[in-house]
N, C-alpha and C. Protein backbone atom coordinates (compact mmCIF):
# COMPACT_ATOMS: atom_id res chain seq x y z
N GLN A 1 17.88 2.07 9.16
CA GLN A 1 16.26 1.16 9.42
C GLN A 1 15.90 2.25 9.10
N VAL A 2 14.28 1.09 8.24
CA VAL A 2 13.45 2.37 7.19
C VAL A 2 12.34 2.57 7.55
N GLN A 3 12.23 3.92 7.52
CA GLN A 3 10.64 4.66 8.46
C GLN A 3 9.28 4.21 6.92
N LEU A 4 9.15 3.90 7.53
CA LEU A 4 7.33 4.07 5.94
C LEU A 4 6.43 4.97 7.06
N VAL A 5 5.96 6.65 6.73
CA VAL A 5 5.04 6.76 7.20
C VAL A 5 3.79 6.71 6.30
N GLU A 6 2.37 6.32 6.49
CA GLU A 6 1.62 6.68 5.27
C GLU A 6 0.76 7.79 5.73
N SER A 7 -0.56 8.30 4.87
CA SER A 7 -1.31 9.40 5.52
C SER A 7 -2.10 9.09 4.08
N GLY A 8 -3.19 10.07 4.43
CA GLY A 8 -4.54 9.56 3.11
C GLY A 8 -5.57 9.41 3.74
N GLY A 9 -5.78 8.99 4.63
CA GLY A 9 -6.99 8.60 5.21
C GLY A 9 -7.88 8.43 5.73
N GLY A 10 -8.87 8.47 6.09
CA GLY A 10 -10.69 9.12 6.25
C GLY A 10 -11.55 8.01 5.90
N LEU A 11 -12.76 9.19 6.02
CA LEU A 11 -14.49 9.07 5.77
C LEU A 11 -14.08 9.22 4.70
N VAL A 12 -14.94 8.42 4.00
CA VAL A 12 -15.71 8.67 2.71
C VAL A 12 -16.85 7.37 2.51
N GLU A 13 -17.96 8.28 1.28
CA GLU A 13 -18.36 7.99 1.37
C GLU A 13 -18.94 6.56 0.19
N ALA A 14 -19.37 5.14 0.48
CA ALA A 14 -19.58 4.23 -1.25
C ALA A 14 -19.21 5.22 -2.43
N GLY A 15 -18.89 4.54 -2.81
CA GLY A 15 -18.65 4.03 -4.42
C GLY A 15 -17.28 6.18 -4.50
N GLY A 16 -17.18 6.36 -3.90
CA GLY A 16 -16.26 7.52 -3.43
C GLY A 16 -15.18 7.34 -3.90
N SER A 17 -13.35 8.10 -3.52
CA SER A 17 -11.79 7.92 -3.85
C SER A 17 -11.23 8.72 -2.51
N LEU A 18 -9.92 7.73 -1.76
CA LEU A 18 -8.95 8.38 -1.59
C LEU A 18 -7.91 7.57 -2.67
N ARG A 19 -6.70 8.56 -1.72
CA ARG A 19 -5.32 8.65 -2.16
C ARG A 19 -4.17 8.61 -1.17
N LEU A 20 -4.04 7.02 -1.07
CA LEU A 20 -3.42 7.60 0.08
C LEU A 20 -1.95 7.28 -0.54
N THR A 21 -0.94 7.34 0.53
CA THR A 21 0.32 7.58 0.48
C THR A 21 1.89 7.21 1.54
N CYS A 22 2.31 7.25 0.98
CA CYS A 22 3.84 6.25 1.58
C CYS A 22 4.65 6.36 1.53
N VAL A 23 5.52 8.10 2.71
CA VAL A 23 6.88 7.73 2.83
C VAL A 23 7.72 7.04 2.51
N ALA A 24 9.42 6.59 2.34
CA ALA A 24 10.59 6.10 2.87
C ALA A 24 11.40 7.03 2.96
N SER A 25 11.87 6.53 4.37
CA SER A 25 12.92 7.76 4.76
C SER A 25 14.24 6.24 5.79
N GLY A 26 15.06 6.68 5.47
CA GLY A 26 16.02 6.30 5.67
C GLY A 26 17.18 5.75 5.66
N ARG A 27 18.70 5.41 5.56
CA ARG A 27 19.66 4.38 5.42
C ARG A 27 20.09 3.84 4.63
N THR A 28 19.34 2.65 4.31
CA THR A 28 19.23 1.83 5.40
C THR A 28 17.92 1.72 3.46
N TYR A 29 16.38 2.15 3.07
CA TYR A 29 16.46 2.20 1.80
C TYR A 29 16.33 2.09 1.22
N SER A 30 15.90 0.71 -0.43
CA SER A 30 17.04 1.30 -1.47
C SER A 30 15.08 1.26 -2.57
N ARG A 31 15.40 2.36 -3.18
CA ARG A 31 14.42 2.45 -4.09
C ARG A 31 14.00 1.98 -5.03
N TYR A 32 14.96 0.16 -5.02
CA TYR A 32 16.05 -0.98 -6.10
C TYR A 32 14.25 -2.26 -5.68
N ALA A 33 13.73 -1.62 -4.43
CA ALA A 33 13.22 -3.04 -3.13
C ALA A 33 11.67 -2.46 -3.37
N ALA A 34 11.07 -3.87 -3.88
CA ALA A 34 9.92 -3.85 -3.91
C ALA A 34 8.81 -3.19 -2.67
N MET A 35 7.49 -2.36 -3.30
CA MET A 35 6.67 -2.09 -2.17
C MET A 35 5.25 -2.57 -1.73
N ALA A 36 5.03 -2.80 -1.34
CA ALA A 36 3.04 -3.18 -0.51
C ALA A 36 2.33 -2.74 -0.22
N TRP A 37 1.23 -2.87 -0.17
CA TRP A 37 0.17 -2.32 0.19
C TRP A 37 -0.55 -3.39 0.83
N PHE A 38 -0.70 -3.37 2.30
CA PHE A 38 -1.07 -4.77 3.21
C PHE A 38 -2.79 -4.22 3.53
N ARG A 39 -3.79 -4.10 4.25
CA ARG A 39 -4.46 -3.74 4.89
C ARG A 39 -5.93 -4.95 5.69
N GLN A 40 -5.83 -3.93 7.08
CA GLN A 40 -6.36 -5.07 7.70
C GLN A 40 -7.51 -4.47 8.17
N PRO A 41 -8.98 -4.77 7.73
CA PRO A 41 -10.34 -4.75 8.26
C PRO A 41 -10.71 -4.74 10.01
N PRO A 42 -11.45 -4.34 10.80
CA PRO A 42 -11.22 -4.82 12.03
C PRO A 42 -11.49 -6.58 12.36
N GLY A 43 -11.08 -6.53 13.11
CA GLY A 43 -11.38 -8.39 13.71
C GLY A 43 -10.97 -9.51 12.83
N LYS A 44 -10.65 -8.50 11.63
CA LYS A 44 -9.34 -10.07 10.55
C LYS A 44 -8.07 -9.76 10.67
N GLU A 45 -7.68 -10.61 9.44
CA GLU A 45 -6.62 -11.11 9.51
C GLU A 45 -5.83 -9.82 8.01
N ARG A 46 -4.49 -10.25 8.33
CA ARG A 46 -3.93 -9.12 7.45
C ARG A 46 -4.29 -9.15 6.12
N GLU A 47 -4.78 -8.12 4.91
CA GLU A 47 -5.00 -8.64 4.69
C GLU A 47 -4.07 -8.41 2.46
N PHE A 48 -3.76 -9.13 2.38
CA PHE A 48 -2.53 -7.79 0.62
C PHE A 48 -3.59 -7.16 -0.46
N VAL A 49 -2.72 -6.31 -0.40
CA VAL A 49 -3.65 -5.45 -1.68
C VAL A 49 -2.76 -5.38 -2.65
N ALA A 50 -2.45 -4.44 -2.26
CA ALA A 50 -1.60 -4.37 -3.94
C ALA A 50 -0.14 -4.27 -4.04
N ALA A 51 1.19 -4.59 -4.85
CA ALA A 51 2.90 -5.17 -4.71
C ALA A 51 2.66 -4.18 -6.50
N ILE A 52 4.53 -3.08 -5.91
CA ILE A 52 5.07 -2.63 -7.56
C ILE A 52 6.06 -2.78 -7.29
N ASN A 53 7.37 -3.17 -7.85
CA ASN A 53 8.87 -3.89 -8.23
C ASN A 53 9.00 -2.05 -7.94
N TRP A 54 10.43 -2.23 -8.41
CA TRP A 54 10.96 -0.28 -8.03
C TRP A 54 10.86 0.02 -9.60
N SER A 55 10.91 -0.66 -11.01
CA SER A 55 10.28 0.70 -11.56
C SER A 55 8.73 0.67 -12.41
N GLY A 56 7.81 -0.17 -11.45
CA GLY A 56 6.62 -0.15 -12.15
C GLY A 56 6.45 -0.92 -12.83
N GLY A 57 7.01 -1.51 -13.52
CA GLY A 57 7.21 -3.40 -14.42
C GLY A 57 6.45 -3.97 -14.55
N SER A 58 6.49 -4.53 -13.03
CA SER A 58 5.62 -5.61 -11.61
C SER A 58 4.78 -5.49 -10.88
N ILE A 59 3.07 -5.42 -11.26
CA ILE A 59 2.19 -4.93 -10.61
C ILE A 59 1.50 -5.72 -9.70
N ASN A 60 1.53 -5.92 -9.33
CA ASN A 60 -0.11 -6.82 -8.82
C ASN A 60 -1.06 -6.24 -7.96
N TYR A 61 -2.40 -6.83 -8.08
CA TYR A 61 -2.97 -6.30 -7.46
C TYR A 61 -4.40 -8.16 -6.55
N ALA A 62 -4.95 -7.64 -5.54
CA ALA A 62 -5.59 -8.06 -5.02
C ALA A 62 -7.01 -8.49 -5.58
N ASP A 63 -7.12 -9.90 -6.25
CA ASP A 63 -8.66 -9.02 -6.50
C ASP A 63 -9.71 -8.11 -6.57
N SER A 64 -9.68 -8.66 -5.21
CA SER A 64 -10.87 -7.58 -4.14
C SER A 64 -10.82 -6.63 -5.03
N VAL A 65 -9.25 -5.40 -5.05
CA VAL A 65 -9.45 -4.40 -5.74
C VAL A 65 -9.36 -3.72 -7.16
N LYS A 66 -8.83 -4.75 -8.15
CA LYS A 66 -8.87 -5.18 -9.14
C LYS A 66 -9.75 -3.76 -9.60
N GLY A 67 -9.45 -3.60 -10.55
CA GLY A 67 -9.64 -2.44 -11.64
C GLY A 67 -10.60 -0.53 -10.71
N ARG A 68 -10.47 -1.06 -9.36
CA ARG A 68 -10.55 -0.24 -8.73
C ARG A 68 -9.53 0.64 -7.82
N PHE A 69 -8.59 -0.06 -7.98
CA PHE A 69 -7.30 0.76 -7.19
C PHE A 69 -6.05 0.74 -8.03
N THR A 70 -5.55 2.17 -7.53
CA THR A 70 -3.83 1.58 -8.89
C THR A 70 -2.67 2.14 -7.69
N ILE A 71 -2.11 1.34 -8.20
CA ILE A 71 -0.73 1.66 -7.04
C ILE A 71 0.01 2.17 -7.82
N SER A 72 0.65 2.86 -7.36
CA SER A 72 2.48 3.49 -8.90
C SER A 72 3.25 4.01 -7.48
N ARG A 73 4.97 4.71 -7.96
CA ARG A 73 5.68 5.21 -6.72
C ARG A 73 6.28 5.89 -7.51
N ASP A 74 7.10 6.92 -7.38
CA ASP A 74 7.45 8.05 -7.84
C ASP A 74 9.15 7.89 -7.00
N ASN A 75 10.33 7.31 -6.79
CA ASN A 75 11.44 7.38 -6.58
C ASN A 75 11.97 8.21 -6.81
N ALA A 76 12.34 8.74 -7.04
CA ALA A 76 12.84 10.29 -6.74
C ALA A 76 11.85 11.16 -5.50
N LYS A 77 11.35 10.73 -5.94
CA LYS A 77 10.25 11.64 -3.82
C LYS A 77 10.57 9.83 -2.80
N ASN A 78 10.39 8.67 -3.62
CA ASN A 78 10.64 7.95 -1.87
C ASN A 78 9.66 7.90 -1.16
N THR A 79 8.51 7.40 -2.71
CA THR A 79 6.82 7.47 -1.49
C THR A 79 6.54 6.28 -3.57
N MET A 80 5.53 5.68 -3.14
CA MET A 80 4.41 5.20 -3.09
C MET A 80 2.49 6.13 -2.59
N TYR A 81 1.92 5.06 -4.04
CA TYR A 81 0.98 6.39 -3.48
C TYR A 81 -0.44 4.27 -3.71
N LEU A 82 -1.48 4.48 -3.12
CA LEU A 82 -2.57 3.95 -4.28
C LEU A 82 -3.95 4.28 -3.24
N GLN A 83 -3.68 4.76 -5.22
CA GLN A 83 -5.16 5.57 -5.89
C GLN A 83 -6.05 5.12 -5.53
N MET A 84 -7.34 4.70 -5.13
CA MET A 84 -8.92 3.62 -4.84
C MET A 84 -9.91 4.49 -4.83
N LYS A 85 -10.27 4.33 -5.55
CA LYS A 85 -11.74 4.76 -6.39
C LYS A 85 -12.92 3.95 -6.29
N SER A 86 -14.32 4.44 -6.02
CA SER A 86 -15.30 3.90 -5.79
C SER A 86 -15.22 2.58 -4.97
N LEU A 87 -14.91 3.37 -3.89
CA LEU A 87 -14.85 2.37 -2.57
C LEU A 87 -16.29 1.89 -2.04
N LYS A 88 -15.60 1.04 -1.50
CA LYS A 88 -16.90 -0.37 -1.06
C LYS A 88 -16.89 0.13 0.91
N PRO A 89 -17.86 -0.55 1.22
CA PRO A 89 -18.12 -0.94 2.48
C PRO A 89 -17.03 -1.93 2.85
N GLU A 90 -16.93 -2.38 2.46
CA GLU A 90 -15.77 -3.82 2.68
C GLU A 90 -14.01 -2.84 2.32
N ASP A 91 -13.53 -2.30 2.01
CA ASP A 91 -12.42 -1.45 2.10
C ASP A 91 -12.09 -0.62 2.96
N THR A 92 -13.70 -0.44 3.94
CA THR A 92 -12.56 -0.35 5.59
C THR A 92 -11.67 -1.03 5.95
N ALA A 93 -10.79 -0.83 6.20
CA ALA A 93 -9.36 -0.91 6.75
C ALA A 93 -8.64 0.01 6.97
N ALA A 94 -7.68 -0.55 8.35
CA ALA A 94 -6.08 0.28 8.35
C ALA A 94 -5.13 -0.09 7.33
N TYR A 95 -4.68 0.34 6.57
CA TYR A 95 -3.95 0.36 5.43
C TYR A 95 -2.00 0.58 5.59
N TYR A 96 -1.69 -0.64 5.53
CA TYR A 96 -0.26 -0.34 5.26
C TYR A 96 0.64 -0.44 4.87
N CYS A 97 1.69 0.43 4.51
CA CYS A 97 2.70 0.26 4.06
C CYS A 97 3.57 -0.33 4.13
N ALA A 98 4.60 -1.28 2.88
CA ALA A 98 5.75 -2.32 3.39
C ALA A 98 5.98 -2.14 2.11
N ALA A 99 7.88 -2.89 2.27
CA ALA A 99 9.31 -2.34 2.07
C ALA A 99 10.05 -3.80 1.85
N ASP A 100 10.88 -4.00 0.78
CA ASP A 100 11.52 -5.02 0.84
C ASP A 100 12.78 -4.23 1.39
N ARG A 101 13.66 -5.31 1.89
CA ARG A 101 14.61 -4.54 1.92
C ARG A 101 16.24 -5.19 1.26
N LEU A 102 15.27 -5.77 0.63
CA LEU A 102 16.22 -6.36 -1.13
C LEU A 102 16.18 -5.68 -2.00
N PRO A 103 17.25 -5.30 -2.75
CA PRO A 103 16.72 -5.00 -4.10
C PRO A 103 15.45 -5.75 -5.22
N TYR A 104 15.14 -5.68 -6.40
CA TYR A 104 14.89 -6.38 -7.38
C TYR A 104 13.67 -7.28 -6.58
N GLY A 105 13.13 -7.22 -5.59
CA GLY A 105 11.69 -8.23 -6.26
C GLY A 105 11.00 -7.37 -6.54
N LEU A 106 9.70 -8.74 -7.82
CA LEU A 106 8.85 -8.98 -7.60
C LEU A 106 7.61 -7.71 -7.55
N GLY A 107 7.55 -7.74 -6.39
CA GLY A 107 6.06 -6.92 -5.55
C GLY A 107 5.62 -8.43 -5.47
N SER A 108 5.69 -9.12 -4.61
CA SER A 108 4.76 -10.57 -3.87
C SER A 108 3.94 -9.74 -2.83
N PHE A 109 2.93 -11.13 -3.02
CA PHE A 109 2.21 -10.76 -2.17
C PHE A 109 2.07 -11.42 -1.01
N GLU A 110 3.14 -11.37 -0.50
CA GLU A 110 3.25 -12.44 0.79
C GLU A 110 3.44 -11.10 1.94
N SER A 111 2.98 -11.58 3.11
CA SER A 111 3.63 -10.42 3.69
C SER A 111 4.87 -10.77 4.24
N GLY A 112 5.41 -11.78 4.89
CA GLY A 112 6.38 -12.05 5.21
C GLY A 112 7.82 -11.30 4.03
N SER A 113 7.66 -11.32 2.99
CA SER A 113 8.05 -10.01 2.12
C SER A 113 9.27 -9.51 1.97
N TYR A 114 7.62 -8.85 3.69
CA TYR A 114 8.27 -7.35 3.56
C TYR A 114 8.46 -7.05 4.79
N ASP A 115 9.75 -6.96 5.02
CA ASP A 115 10.53 -6.05 5.99
C ASP A 115 10.66 -5.19 6.59
N TYR A 116 9.75 -4.15 6.53
CA TYR A 116 9.87 -2.93 6.56
C TYR A 116 7.53 -2.24 6.90
N TRP A 117 7.28 -1.58 8.36
CA TRP A 117 5.63 -1.19 7.69
C TRP A 117 5.80 -0.01 8.34
N GLY A 118 5.06 0.46 7.55
CA GLY A 118 4.31 1.72 8.08
C GLY A 118 3.18 1.05 9.20
N GLN A 119 2.92 2.03 10.23
CA GLN A 119 1.75 2.56 11.22
C GLN A 119 0.34 2.23 10.94
N GLY A 120 0.34 2.56 9.98
CA GLY A 120 -1.11 2.24 8.93
C GLY A 120 -1.75 3.93 9.16
N THR A 121 -2.62 3.83 7.98
CA THR A 121 -3.95 4.91 7.77
C THR A 121 -5.21 4.22 8.10
N GLN A 122 -6.16 4.83 8.77
CA GLN A 122 -7.29 3.67 8.31
C GLN A 122 -8.58 4.64 7.70
N VAL A 123 -8.69 3.98 6.38
CA VAL A 123 -9.72 4.05 5.72
C VAL A 123 -11.45 3.40 5.85
N THR A 124 -12.33 4.03 6.23
CA THR A 124 -13.54 3.87 6.93
C THR A 124 -14.39 4.77 5.18
N VAL A 125 -15.67 4.14 4.86
CA VAL A 125 -16.04 3.66 3.95
C VAL A 125 -17.33 3.56 4.29
N SER A 126 -18.82 4.85 4.39
CA SER A 126 -19.92 4.77 4.43
C SER A 126 -20.52 3.72 4.16
N SER A 127 -21.60 3.45 3.62
CA SER A 127 -22.85 3.12 3.33
C SER A 127 -23.48 4.28 3.14
């Protein structure tokens, strides 16, 4: 089984920055699998944030975060990052790391494309 652990969330004022980290482990985790970030604001459905394929050559962002968030990964460390800048109160949510089971995916925006999920890390942006 694959385990995903997010960290880096916290409380930040609007306009500030945070960097989220997701560390993957487990013998079935593949460095060639796509990974993604999703978020779920309180009382709302989970929504797509960003996705990245194994090499970083295919990246997809939600319109709401384009130009502000940057997704990246370091396969040598089995780690994915989400650098968030110019944070807005509407970015407040629990952020979840996800990974595909199969290799060479392009990085889908659909949550059903991912097989493994972390427990989430809370990001709160104050106004």
